[in-house]
Amino acid sequence: MRSLLLGASMLALLAAPAYAQQTGGSSSVAPSTQTAPGNYTVYFAFDRATLGPEARRVVAQAADEYKRTGSAQITVTGYTDTSGRASYNQRLSERRAEAVRQELVRLGVPDSQIVATGRDEHDLAVQTGDGVREPRNRRVEIAFAPPAAPPAPEAAPAPVAEQAPPAEPERQPRFTFTVGGLYGHNFGETDGPSGQHETENDMAGLDLTFDVMAGRFGKLTIDQAILKSFNGVNNGLVGRTVLNLGITPLNLMVFRPYLSANFGGVYGAGVQDGLVVGPELGFDINIIRSVPLRAKVAYDYQFRNPGDFHKGILWGGLSLGYRF
């Protein structure tokens, strides 16, 4: 009995890897194939737009069928799974469709007879939730339009149905509005009625930002903060208005860091009114596709303290946003 149980346990351990290989992991590639006459499906590896040997074999079959049947047109449509941001998936689906189009042209199909488009994670082959890496959704579908029938003798030619134009890609969000908290420490404040007090103070309050140009590599942001100063000489309401020009060189799926420069001013009780300039470092984390969580840290050099770069204001903030 003990030997029987031990043997069953070993079989279960060996079956688990085999099952995992059959079902496929997030980086596996589903087998490319012909699904019906005039219809082919080519699959891709995760986050890739290059054709593997099996995919090239299936594209070659499609090219041979085109030459044999003289089809009127070929539609090449690229798709992705639901992992990653929509803007990135749209570009990835277009790159996959373009890779198949170039291979068809290389194999002798006229470029004028091919319509290639990307549909990102629309029309999933396998329905999944958001953020799921499904190999069967990372695909390009090749579909042939049948050749037009020749007109019958002494009869009006049969009408040729107009082909529907490719669907336009969904408009991607270009603006972001965030609301959150901001805390700052002023290292070089000259306060009081005559500016005779050398002191430091703290500020905390509400921070509102609006990204008016949020592109793939950069953004322009208007930042308005309403704060209350404390631990100083002349405490009260403080305002901070800056224009923020930043770069976003990396797009790591749900994590997107940025580096930017601020220029503007601070004003109100507890501070001396004046211009400020300085760097800002932060990142956005996509809680869901249209709702980012933003964290940032910034340093304002105060022009009213010429040469004293250490007498600036250090800021830290956390906010929640909405993209539209």
C-alpha atoms as a PDB file:
ATOM      1  CA  MET A   1       0.000   0.000   0.000  1.00  0.00           C
ATOM      2  CA  ARG A   2       2.836   2.410   0.876  1.00  0.00           C
ATOM      3  CA  SER A   3       4.534   1.685  -2.494  1.00  0.00           C
ATOM      4  CA  LEU A   4       1.263   2.370  -4.321  1.00  0.00           C
ATOM      5  CA  LEU A   5       0.819   5.760  -2.615  1.00  0.00           C
ATOM      6  CA  LEU A   6       4.457   6.686  -3.310  1.00  0.00           C
ATOM      7  CA  GLY A   7       4.027   5.826  -7.001  1.00  0.00           C
ATOM      8  CA  ALA A   8       0.832   7.896  -7.264  1.00  0.00           C
ATOM      9  CA  SER A   9       2.590  10.883  -5.677  1.00  0.00           C
ATOM     10  CA  MET A  10       5.475  10.684  -8.191  1.00  0.00           C
ATOM     11  CA  LEU A  11       2.983  10.523 -11.087  1.00  0.00           C
ATOM     12  CA  ALA A  12       1.199  13.640  -9.764  1.00  0.00           C
ATOM     13  CA  LEU A  13       4.492  15.550  -9.521  1.00  0.00           C
ATOM     14  CA  LEU A  14       5.433  14.575 -13.078  1.00  0.00           C
ATOM     15  CA  ALA A  15       1.962  15.422 -14.418  1.00  0.00           C
ATOM     16  CA  ALA A  16       1.981  19.011 -13.065  1.00  0.00           C
ATOM     17  CA  PRO A  17       4.851  20.294 -15.306  1.00  0.00           C
ATOM     18  CA  ALA A  18       3.392  18.453 -18.289  1.00  0.00           C
ATOM     19  CA  TYR A  19       0.013  20.093 -17.714  1.00  0.00           C
ATOM     20  CA  ALA A  20       1.632  23.491 -17.359  1.00  0.00           C
ATOM     21  CA  GLN A  21       3.405  23.003 -20.696  1.00  0.00           C
ATOM     22  CA  GLN A  22       0.160  21.981 -22.366  1.00  0.00           C
ATOM     23  CA  THR A  23      -1.859  24.917 -21.071  1.00  0.00           C
ATOM     24  CA  GLY A  24       0.936  27.430 -21.726  1.00  0.00           C
ATOM     25  CA  GLY A  25       2.355  30.189 -19.539  1.00  0.00           C
ATOM     26  CA  SER A  26       2.221  33.933 -20.034  1.00  0.00           C
ATOM     27  CA  SER A  27       5.253  33.872 -22.366  1.00  0.00           C
ATOM     28  CA  SER A  28       4.177  30.812 -24.459  1.00  0.00           C
ATOM     29  CA  VAL A  29       3.045  31.059 -28.091  1.00  0.00           C
ATOM     30  CA  ALA A  30      -0.158  29.404 -29.295  1.00  0.00           C
ATOM     31  CA  PRO A  31       0.222  27.311 -32.483  1.00  0.00           C
ATOM     32  CA  SER A  32      -0.415  29.314 -35.663  1.00  0.00           C
ATOM     33  CA  THR A  33      -2.877  27.635 -38.020  1.00  0.00           C
ATOM     34  CA  GLN A  34      -5.368  27.900 -40.885  1.00  0.00           C
ATOM     35  CA  THR A  35      -8.805  28.177 -39.272  1.00  0.00           C
ATOM     36  CA  ALA A  36     -10.854  27.948 -42.508  1.00  0.00           C
ATOM     37  CA  PRO A  37     -10.386  28.432 -46.272  1.00  0.00           C
ATOM     38  CA  GLY A  38      -9.219  32.007 -46.672  1.00  0.00           C
ATOM     39  CA  ASN A  39      -8.716  32.501 -42.911  1.00  0.00           C
ATOM     40  CA  TYR A  40      -5.491  32.117 -40.954  1.00  0.00           C
ATOM     41  CA  THR A  41      -4.403  32.974 -37.410  1.00  0.00           C
ATOM     42  CA  VAL A  42      -0.776  33.794 -36.513  1.00  0.00           C
ATOM     43  CA  TYR A  43       0.237  33.940 -32.832  1.00  0.00           C
ATOM     44  CA  PHE A  44       2.983  35.928 -31.116  1.00  0.00           C
ATOM     45  CA  ALA A  45       5.066  35.717 -27.956  1.00  0.00           C
ATOM     46  CA  PHE A  46       4.293  38.050 -25.058  1.00  0.00           C
ATOM     47  CA  ASP A  47       5.145  41.707 -25.843  1.00  0.00           C
ATOM     48  CA  ARG A  48       6.633  40.710 -29.246  1.00  0.00           C
ATOM     49  CA  ALA A  49       5.811  41.610 -32.841  1.00  0.00           C
ATOM     50  CA  THR A  50       8.237  39.248 -34.593  1.00  0.00           C
ATOM     51  CA  LEU A  51       7.277  36.131 -36.558  1.00  0.00           C
ATOM     52  CA  GLY A  52       8.553  32.771 -35.408  1.00  0.00           C
ATOM     53  CA  PRO A  53       9.220  29.807 -37.741  1.00  0.00           C
ATOM     54  CA  GLU A  54       5.712  28.351 -37.333  1.00  0.00           C
ATOM     55  CA  ALA A  55       4.104  31.755 -37.887  1.00  0.00           C
ATOM     56  CA  ARG A  56       6.142  32.271 -41.094  1.00  0.00           C
ATOM     57  CA  ARG A  57       5.011  28.845 -42.344  1.00  0.00           C
ATOM     58  CA  VAL A  58       1.334  29.792 -41.892  1.00  0.00           C
ATOM     59  CA  VAL A  59       1.844  33.205 -43.561  1.00  0.00           C
ATOM     60  CA  ALA A  60       3.465  31.374 -46.496  1.00  0.00           C
ATOM     61  CA  GLN A  61       0.340  29.173 -46.754  1.00  0.00           C
ATOM     62  CA  ALA A  62      -1.797  32.311 -46.914  1.00  0.00           C
ATOM     63  CA  ALA A  63       0.406  33.785 -49.672  1.00  0.00           C
ATOM     64  CA  ASP A  64       0.151  30.560 -51.671  1.00  0.00           C
ATOM     65  CA  GLU A  65      -3.650  30.554 -51.364  1.00  0.00           C
ATOM     66  CA  TYR A  66      -3.801  34.158 -52.570  1.00  0.00           C
ATOM     67  CA  LYS A  67      -1.745  33.301 -55.679  1.00  0.00           C
ATOM     68  CA  ARG A  68      -3.841  30.191 -56.333  1.00  0.00           C
ATOM     69  CA  THR A  69      -7.299  31.765 -55.913  1.00  0.00           C
ATOM     70  CA  GLY A  70      -6.664  35.348 -57.023  1.00  0.00           C
ATOM     71  CA  SER A  71      -8.522  36.814 -54.044  1.00  0.00           C
ATOM     72  CA  ALA A  72      -9.533  40.448 -54.319  1.00  0.00           C
ATOM     73  CA  GLN A  73      -8.065  41.641 -51.033  1.00  0.00           C
ATOM     74  CA  ILE A  74      -6.453  40.470 -47.796  1.00  0.00           C
ATOM     75  CA  THR A  75      -7.357  41.955 -44.405  1.00  0.00           C
ATOM     76  CA  VAL A  76      -4.656  41.686 -41.722  1.00  0.00           C
ATOM     77  CA  THR A  77      -5.846  42.551 -38.190  1.00  0.00           C
ATOM     78  CA  GLY A  78      -3.568  42.580 -35.129  1.00  0.00           C
ATOM     79  CA  TYR A  79      -4.648  41.989 -31.517  1.00  0.00           C
ATOM     80  CA  THR A  80      -3.115  41.849 -28.018  1.00  0.00           C
ATOM     81  CA  ASP A  81      -4.057  40.389 -24.673  1.00  0.00           C
ATOM     82  CA  THR A  82      -5.311  42.610 -21.818  1.00  0.00           C
ATOM     83  CA  SER A  83      -1.978  43.134 -20.065  1.00  0.00           C
ATOM     84  CA  GLY A  84      -0.480  46.622 -20.388  1.00  0.00           C
ATOM     85  CA  ARG A  85      -1.908  50.072 -21.097  1.00  0.00           C
ATOM     86  CA  ALA A  86      -4.387  50.572 -23.948  1.00  0.00           C
ATOM     87  CA  SER A  87      -2.127  53.050 -25.793  1.00  0.00           C
ATOM     88  CA  TYR A  88       0.783  50.600 -25.717  1.00  0.00           C
ATOM     89  CA  ASN A  89      -1.429  47.673 -26.782  1.00  0.00           C
ATOM     90  CA  GLN A  90      -2.759  49.670 -29.751  1.00  0.00           C
ATOM     91  CA  ARG A  91       0.768  50.274 -31.050  1.00  0.00           C
ATOM     92  CA  LEU A  92       1.750  46.648 -30.381  1.00  0.00           C
ATOM     93  CA  SER A  93      -1.264  45.331 -32.349  1.00  0.00           C
ATOM     94  CA  GLU A  94      -0.360  47.623 -35.268  1.00  0.00           C
ATOM     95  CA  ARG A  95       3.259  46.389 -35.214  1.00  0.00           C
ATOM     96  CA  ARG A  96       2.077  42.762 -35.301  1.00  0.00           C
ATOM     97  CA  ALA A  97      -0.213  43.447 -38.264  1.00  0.00           C
ATOM     98  CA  GLU A  98       2.640  45.277 -40.022  1.00  0.00           C
ATOM     99  CA  ALA A  99       5.002  42.314 -39.504  1.00  0.00           C
ATOM    100  CA  VAL A 100       2.509  39.972 -41.220  1.00  0.00           C
ATOM    101  CA  ARG A 101       1.862  42.483 -44.021  1.00  0.00           C
ATOM    102  CA  GLN A 102       5.596  42.813 -44.761  1.00  0.00           C
ATOM    103  CA  GLU A 103       5.991  39.023 -44.846  1.00  0.00           C
ATOM    104  CA  LEU A 104       3.066  38.669 -47.310  1.00  0.00           C
ATOM    105  CA  VAL A 105       4.602  41.335 -49.572  1.00  0.00           C
ATOM    106  CA  ARG A 106       7.966  39.579 -49.385  1.00  0.00           C
ATOM    107  CA  LEU A 107       6.243  36.365 -50.515  1.00  0.00           C
ATOM    108  CA  GLY A 108       4.736  38.053 -53.604  1.00  0.00           C
ATOM    109  CA  VAL A 109       1.355  39.419 -52.491  1.00  0.00           C
ATOM    110  CA  PRO A 110       0.803  42.953 -53.926  1.00  0.00           C
ATOM    111  CA  ASP A 111       1.005  45.588 -51.197  1.00  0.00           C
ATOM    112  CA  SER A 112      -2.022  47.379 -52.713  1.00  0.00           C
ATOM    113  CA  GLN A 113      -4.171  44.299 -52.006  1.00  0.00           C
ATOM    114  CA  ILE A 114      -3.467  44.253 -48.242  1.00  0.00           C
ATOM    115  CA  VAL A 115      -5.311  46.271 -45.558  1.00  0.00           C
ATOM    116  CA  ALA A 116      -3.496  46.094 -42.192  1.00  0.00           C
ATOM    117  CA  THR A 117      -4.885  47.494 -38.941  1.00  0.00           C
ATOM    118  CA  GLY A 118      -4.506  47.080 -35.172  1.00  0.00           C
ATOM    119  CA  ARG A 119      -7.365  46.446 -32.755  1.00  0.00           C
ATOM    120  CA  ASP A 120      -5.362  46.177 -29.464  1.00  0.00           C
ATOM    121  CA  GLU A 121      -7.376  44.139 -26.892  1.00  0.00           C
ATOM    122  CA  HIS A 122     -10.762  44.455 -28.646  1.00  0.00           C
ATOM    123  CA  ASP A 123     -12.529  41.264 -29.853  1.00  0.00           C
ATOM    124  CA  LEU A 124     -10.672  38.889 -27.539  1.00  0.00           C
ATOM    125  CA  ALA A 125     -10.462  35.297 -28.774  1.00  0.00           C
ATOM    126  CA  VAL A 126     -10.521  34.184 -25.126  1.00  0.00           C
ATOM    127  CA  GLN A 127     -12.478  36.415 -22.747  1.00  0.00           C
ATOM    128  CA  THR A 128     -10.310  37.406 -19.764  1.00  0.00           C
ATOM    129  CA  GLY A 129     -10.183  40.130 -17.161  1.00  0.00           C
ATOM    130  CA  ASP A 130      -7.926  43.174 -17.394  1.00  0.00           C
ATOM    131  CA  GLY A 131      -4.181  42.523 -17.030  1.00  0.00           C
ATOM    132  CA  VAL A 132      -4.296  38.827 -18.049  1.00  0.00           C
ATOM    133  CA  ARG A 133      -1.539  37.401 -20.289  1.00  0.00           C
ATOM    134  CA  GLU A 134      -3.426  34.997 -22.576  1.00  0.00           C
ATOM    135  CA  PRO A 135      -1.383  33.460 -25.469  1.00  0.00           C
ATOM    136  CA  ARG A 136      -4.470  32.930 -27.703  1.00  0.00           C
ATOM    137  CA  ASN A 137      -5.271  36.670 -27.619  1.00  0.00           C
ATOM    138  CA  ARG A 138      -1.792  37.692 -28.910  1.00  0.00           C
ATOM    139  CA  ARG A 139      -2.574  37.141 -32.588  1.00  0.00           C
ATOM    140  CA  VAL A 140      -2.984  38.433 -36.128  1.00  0.00           C
ATOM    141  CA  GLU A 141      -5.950  37.256 -38.190  1.00  0.00           C
ATOM    142  CA  ILE A 142      -5.601  36.994 -41.986  1.00  0.00           C
ATOM    143  CA  ALA A 143      -8.864  37.017 -43.948  1.00  0.00           C
ATOM    144  CA  PHE A 144      -9.376  36.838 -47.728  1.00  0.00           C
ATOM    145  CA  ALA A 145     -12.136  38.694 -49.559  1.00  0.00           C
ATOM    146  CA  PRO A 146     -13.452  36.514 -52.415  1.00  0.00           C
ATOM    147  CA  PRO A 147     -12.737  37.670 -55.998  1.00  0.00           C
ATOM    148  CA  ALA A 148     -15.540  39.511 -57.745  1.00  0.00           C
ATOM    149  CA  ALA A 149     -17.702  37.256 -59.928  1.00  0.00           C
ATOM    150  CA  PRO A 150     -17.450  37.951 -63.699  1.00  0.00           C
ATOM    151  CA  PRO A 151     -20.564  39.524 -65.263  1.00  0.00           C
ATOM    152  CA  ALA A 152     -23.034  37.146 -66.903  1.00  0.00           C
ATOM    153  CA  PRO A 153     -23.426  37.423 -70.716  1.00  0.00           C
ATOM    154  CA  GLU A 154     -25.910  40.102 -71.775  1.00  0.00           C
ATOM    155  CA  ALA A 155     -26.730  40.910 -68.176  1.00  0.00           C
ATOM    156  CA  ALA A 156     -25.923  43.763 -65.849  1.00  0.00           C
ATOM    157  CA  PRO A 157     -22.808  43.121 -63.802  1.00  0.00           C
ATOM    158  CA  ALA A 158     -23.428  41.901 -60.300  1.00  0.00           C
ATOM    159  CA  PRO A 159     -22.991  44.696 -57.750  1.00  0.00           C
ATOM    160  CA  VAL A 160     -19.870  44.405 -55.663  1.00  0.00           C
ATOM    161  CA  ALA A 161     -20.515  45.076 -52.027  1.00  0.00           C
ATOM    162  CA  GLU A 162     -18.389  47.814 -50.555  1.00  0.00           C
ATOM    163  CA  GLN A 163     -15.954  46.603 -47.971  1.00  0.00           C
ATOM    164  CA  ALA A 164     -16.382  48.217 -44.598  1.00  0.00           C
ATOM    165  CA  PRO A 165     -13.438  50.495 -43.743  1.00  0.00           C
ATOM    166  CA  PRO A 166     -11.180  49.380 -40.907  1.00  0.00           C
ATOM    167  CA  ALA A 167     -12.459  50.457 -37.531  1.00  0.00           C
ATOM    168  CA  GLU A 168     -10.727  53.516 -36.173  1.00  0.00           C
ATOM    169  CA  PRO A 169      -8.695  52.899 -33.026  1.00  0.00           C
ATOM    170  CA  GLU A 170     -10.260  54.069 -29.802  1.00  0.00           C
ATOM    171  CA  ARG A 171      -9.141  57.562 -28.793  1.00  0.00           C
ATOM    172  CA  GLN A 172      -6.551  57.385 -26.057  1.00  0.00           C
ATOM    173  CA  PRO A 173      -6.696  59.660 -22.969  1.00  0.00           C
ATOM    174  CA  ARG A 174      -4.699  62.878 -23.366  1.00  0.00           C
ATOM    175  CA  PHE A 175      -5.472  64.707 -20.114  1.00  0.00           C
ATOM    176  CA  THR A 176      -5.067  63.879 -16.419  1.00  0.00           C
ATOM    177  CA  PHE A 177      -6.556  65.699 -13.410  1.00  0.00           C
ATOM    178  CA  THR A 178      -5.312  64.867  -9.894  1.00  0.00           C
ATOM    179  CA  VAL A 179      -6.344  65.898  -6.370  1.00  0.00           C
ATOM    180  CA  GLY A 180      -4.224  65.169  -3.317  1.00  0.00           C
ATOM    181  CA  GLY A 181      -2.215  66.402  -0.390  1.00  0.00           C
ATOM    182  CA  LEU A 182       1.047  68.381  -0.423  1.00  0.00           C
ATOM    183  CA  TYR A 183       3.527  68.998   2.408  1.00  0.00           C
ATOM    184  CA  GLY A 184       6.479  71.374   2.298  1.00  0.00           C
ATOM    185  CA  HIS A 185       9.313  72.563   4.530  1.00  0.00           C
ATOM    186  CA  ASN A 186      10.802  76.016   3.937  1.00  0.00           C
ATOM    187  CA  PHE A 187      14.500  76.032   4.883  1.00  0.00           C
ATOM    188  CA  GLY A 188      15.176  79.724   4.321  1.00  0.00           C
ATOM    189  CA  GLU A 189      12.307  81.992   5.310  1.00  0.00           C
ATOM    190  CA  THR A 190      12.755  85.667   6.190  1.00  0.00           C
ATOM    191  CA  ASP A 191       9.509  86.549   7.930  1.00  0.00           C
ATOM    192  CA  GLY A 192       7.920  89.292   9.978  1.00  0.00           C
ATOM    193  CA  PRO A 193       6.761  92.846   9.273  1.00  0.00           C
ATOM    194  CA  SER A 194      10.208  94.076   8.269  1.00  0.00           C
ATOM    195  CA  GLY A 195      11.718  90.765   7.203  1.00  0.00           C
ATOM    196  CA  GLN A 196      13.945  90.728  10.270  1.00  0.00           C
ATOM    197  CA  HIS A 197      13.282  87.116  11.314  1.00  0.00           C
ATOM    198  CA  GLU A 198      15.411  84.313   9.871  1.00  0.00           C
ATOM    199  CA  THR A 199      13.354  81.196  10.408  1.00  0.00           C
ATOM    200  CA  GLU A 200      11.990  77.976   8.909  1.00  0.00           C
ATOM    201  CA  ASN A 201       8.382  76.927   8.605  1.00  0.00           C
ATOM    202  CA  ASP A 202       6.153  74.119   7.354  1.00  0.00           C
ATOM    203  CA  MET A 203       3.198  74.100   4.973  1.00  0.00           C
ATOM    204  CA  ALA A 204       0.483  71.522   4.263  1.00  0.00           C
ATOM    205  CA  GLY A 205      -2.690  71.526   2.221  1.00  0.00           C
ATOM    206  CA  LEU A 206      -4.503  70.663  -1.003  1.00  0.00           C
ATOM    207  CA  ASP A 207      -2.704  70.154  -4.342  1.00  0.00           C
ATOM    208  CA  LEU A 208      -4.495  70.233  -7.731  1.00  0.00           C
ATOM    209  CA  THR A 209      -2.758  69.330 -11.013  1.00  0.00           C
ATOM    210  CA  PHE A 210      -3.909  69.236 -14.613  1.00  0.00           C
ATOM    211  CA  ASP A 211      -1.827  67.565 -17.352  1.00  0.00           C
ATOM    212  CA  VAL A 212      -2.779  69.486 -20.489  1.00  0.00           C
ATOM    213  CA  MET A 213      -0.456  67.508 -22.809  1.00  0.00           C
ATOM    214  CA  ALA A 214       0.152  63.938 -21.681  1.00  0.00           C
ATOM    215  CA  GLY A 215       2.052  62.175 -24.463  1.00  0.00           C
ATOM    216  CA  ARG A 216       4.135  59.032 -24.634  1.00  0.00           C
ATOM    217  CA  PHE A 217       7.395  60.793 -23.764  1.00  0.00           C
ATOM    218  CA  GLY A 218       6.406  64.014 -21.992  1.00  0.00           C
ATOM    219  CA  LYS A 219       3.766  66.109 -20.294  1.00  0.00           C
ATOM    220  CA  LEU A 220       2.930  69.742 -19.503  1.00  0.00           C
ATOM    221  CA  THR A 221       1.245  70.258 -16.136  1.00  0.00           C
ATOM    222  CA  ILE A 222      -0.378  73.191 -14.328  1.00  0.00           C
ATOM    223  CA  ASP A 223      -0.011  72.773 -10.541  1.00  0.00           C
ATOM    224  CA  GLN A 224      -1.985  74.832  -8.001  1.00  0.00           C
ATOM    225  CA  ALA A 225      -1.606  74.276  -4.251  1.00  0.00           C
ATOM    226  CA  ILE A 226      -3.561  75.914  -1.390  1.00  0.00           C
ATOM    227  CA  LEU A 227      -1.713  75.475   1.902  1.00  0.00           C
ATOM    228  CA  LYS A 228      -1.607  76.520   5.553  1.00  0.00           C
ATOM    229  CA  SER A 229       1.766  77.528   7.000  1.00  0.00           C
ATOM    230  CA  PHE A 230       2.699  76.674  10.591  1.00  0.00           C
ATOM    231  CA  ASN A 231       5.763  76.503  12.872  1.00  0.00           C
ATOM    232  CA  GLY A 232       6.723  79.960  11.558  1.00  0.00           C
ATOM    233  CA  VAL A 233       6.459  83.611  12.571  1.00  0.00           C
ATOM    234  CA  ASN A 234       3.568  84.843  10.435  1.00  0.00           C
ATOM    235  CA  ASN A 235       1.391  81.795   9.794  1.00  0.00           C
ATOM    236  CA  GLY A 236      -1.577  81.761   7.412  1.00  0.00           C
ATOM    237  CA  LEU A 237      -2.764  80.760   3.963  1.00  0.00           C
ATOM    238  CA  VAL A 238      -0.096  80.126   1.307  1.00  0.00           C
ATOM    239  CA  GLY A 239      -0.432  79.622  -2.439  1.00  0.00           C
ATOM    240  CA  ARG A 240       1.927  77.851  -4.844  1.00  0.00           C
ATOM    241  CA  THR A 241       1.376  78.079  -8.613  1.00  0.00           C
ATOM    242  CA  VAL A 242       3.865  76.424 -10.967  1.00  0.00           C
ATOM    243  CA  LEU A 243       4.117  75.256 -14.555  1.00  0.00           C
ATOM    244  CA  ASN A 244       5.631  71.781 -14.845  1.00  0.00           C
ATOM    245  CA  LEU A 245       7.395  70.503 -17.984  1.00  0.00           C
ATOM    246  CA  GLY A 246       8.379  66.846 -17.718  1.00  0.00           C
ATOM    247  CA  ILE A 247       9.604  63.792 -19.567  1.00  0.00           C
ATOM    248  CA  THR A 248       8.293  60.236 -19.139  1.00  0.00           C
ATOM    249  CA  PRO A 249      10.960  58.056 -20.796  1.00  0.00           C
ATOM    250  CA  LEU A 250       9.706  54.722 -19.414  1.00  0.00           C
ATOM    251  CA  ASN A 251       6.324  53.027 -19.602  1.00  0.00           C
ATOM    252  CA  LEU A 252       6.522  49.957 -17.373  1.00  0.00           C
ATOM    253  CA  MET A 253       2.948  48.737 -17.743  1.00  0.00           C
ATOM    254  CA  VAL A 254       1.287  49.967 -14.515  1.00  0.00           C
ATOM    255  CA  PHE A 255       4.342  51.981 -13.324  1.00  0.00           C
ATOM    256  CA  ARG A 256       5.354  55.191 -15.124  1.00  0.00           C
ATOM    257  CA  PRO A 257       8.138  57.390 -13.620  1.00  0.00           C
ATOM    258  CA  TYR A 258       8.732  60.970 -14.725  1.00  0.00           C
ATOM    259  CA  LEU A 259      11.287  63.784 -14.273  1.00  0.00           C
ATOM    260  CA  SER A 260      10.290  67.405 -14.701  1.00  0.00           C
ATOM    261  CA  ALA A 261      11.124  71.048 -13.967  1.00  0.00           C
ATOM    262  CA  ASN A 262       8.874  73.533 -12.138  1.00  0.00           C
ATOM    263  CA  PHE A 263       8.694  77.306 -12.660  1.00  0.00           C
ATOM    264  CA  GLY A 264       6.282  79.610 -10.869  1.00  0.00           C
ATOM    265  CA  GLY A 265       5.839  81.352  -7.538  1.00  0.00           C
ATOM    266  CA  VAL A 266       4.834  81.121  -3.869  1.00  0.00           C
ATOM    267  CA  TYR A 267       2.802  83.782  -2.073  1.00  0.00           C
ATOM    268  CA  GLY A 268       0.730  84.474   1.022  1.00  0.00           C
ATOM    269  CA  ALA A 269       1.167  84.545   4.783  1.00  0.00           C
ATOM    270  CA  GLY A 270       4.144  82.731   6.230  1.00  0.00           C
ATOM    271  CA  VAL A 271       6.284  83.207   3.106  1.00  0.00           C
ATOM    272  CA  GLN A 272       7.754  86.079   1.167  1.00  0.00           C
ATOM    273  CA  ASP A 273       6.179  86.370  -2.257  1.00  0.00           C
ATOM    274  CA  GLY A 274       8.621  85.409  -4.982  1.00  0.00           C
ATOM    275  CA  LEU A 275       9.527  83.265  -7.967  1.00  0.00           C
ATOM    276  CA  VAL A 276      10.708  79.675  -7.614  1.00  0.00           C
ATOM    277  CA  VAL A 277      12.278  77.121  -9.933  1.00  0.00           C
ATOM    278  CA  GLY A 278      13.412  73.570  -9.367  1.00  0.00           C
ATOM    279  CA  PRO A 279      13.233  69.856 -10.227  1.00  0.00           C
ATOM    280  CA  GLU A 280      10.463  67.357  -9.550  1.00  0.00           C
ATOM    281  CA  LEU A 281      10.674  63.561  -9.520  1.00  0.00           C
ATOM    282  CA  GLY A 282       7.612  61.324  -9.354  1.00  0.00           C
ATOM    283  CA  PHE A 283       5.738  58.344 -10.721  1.00  0.00           C
ATOM    284  CA  ASP A 284       2.213  57.245 -11.624  1.00  0.00           C
ATOM    285  CA  ILE A 285       0.807  53.848 -10.674  1.00  0.00           C
ATOM    286  CA  ASN A 286      -2.268  52.763 -12.653  1.00  0.00           C
ATOM    287  CA  ILE A 287      -4.791  51.488 -10.118  1.00  0.00           C
ATOM    288  CA  ILE A 288      -7.080  50.935 -13.106  1.00  0.00           C
ATOM    289  CA  ARG A 289      -6.623  52.164 -16.667  1.00  0.00           C
ATOM    290  CA  SER A 290      -8.114  55.654 -16.130  1.00  0.00           C
ATOM    291  CA  VAL A 291      -7.260  56.173 -12.415  1.00  0.00           C
ATOM    292  CA  PRO A 292      -3.573  56.748 -11.552  1.00  0.00           C
ATOM    293  CA  LEU A 293      -2.024  57.157  -8.105  1.00  0.00           C
ATOM    294  CA  ARG A 294       0.705  59.827  -8.266  1.00  0.00           C
ATOM    295  CA  ALA A 295       3.570  60.334  -5.795  1.00  0.00           C
ATOM    296  CA  LYS A 296       6.126  63.126  -6.157  1.00  0.00           C
ATOM    297  CA  VAL A 297       8.938  65.039  -4.461  1.00  0.00           C
ATOM    298  CA  ALA A 298      10.121  68.500  -5.569  1.00  0.00           C
ATOM    299  CA  TYR A 299      12.563  71.237  -4.538  1.00  0.00           C
ATOM    300  CA  ASP A 300      11.960  74.965  -5.137  1.00  0.00           C
ATOM    301  CA  TYR A 301      14.907  77.329  -5.331  1.00  0.00           C
ATOM    302  CA  GLN A 302      13.755  80.812  -4.200  1.00  0.00           C
ATOM    303  CA  PHE A 303      15.052  83.672  -6.332  1.00  0.00           C
ATOM    304  CA  ARG A 304      14.748  86.045  -3.356  1.00  0.00           C
ATOM    305  CA  ASN A 305      17.624  84.127  -1.735  1.00  0.00           C
ATOM    306  CA  PRO A 306      20.271  84.613  -4.461  1.00  0.00           C
ATOM    307  CA  GLY A 307      23.112  82.131  -4.215  1.00  0.00           C
ATOM    308  CA  ASP A 308      21.592  80.276  -1.237  1.00  0.00           C
ATOM    309  CA  PHE A 309      20.501  77.077  -2.956  1.00  0.00           C
ATOM    310  CA  HIS A 310      20.043  75.367   0.405  1.00  0.00           C
ATOM    311  CA  LYS A 311      17.417  77.945   1.451  1.00  0.00           C
ATOM    312  CA  GLY A 312      14.658  76.475  -0.679  1.00  0.00           C
ATOM    313  CA  ILE A 313      11.422  74.578  -0.112  1.00  0.00           C
ATOM    314  CA  LEU A 314      11.264  70.780  -0.125  1.00  0.00           C
ATOM    315  CA  TRP A 315       7.887  69.313  -1.155  1.00  0.00           C
ATOM    316  CA  GLY A 316       6.317  65.879  -1.019  1.00  0.00           C
ATOM    317  CA  GLY A 317       2.877  64.928  -2.296  1.00  0.00           C
ATOM    318  CA  LEU A 318       0.481  62.064  -2.936  1.00  0.00           C
ATOM    319  CA  SER A 319      -2.627  62.364  -5.126  1.00  0.00           C
ATOM    320  CA  LEU A 320      -5.281  60.418  -7.001  1.00  0.00           C
ATOM    321  CA  GLY A 321      -6.133  61.248 -10.611  1.00  0.00           C
ATOM    322  CA  TYR A 322      -8.485  60.622 -13.518  1.00  0.00           C
ATOM    323  CA  ARG A 323      -7.466  60.336 -17.190  1.00  0.00           C
ATOM    324  CA  PHE A 324      -9.803  61.429 -19.968  1.00  0.00           C
END
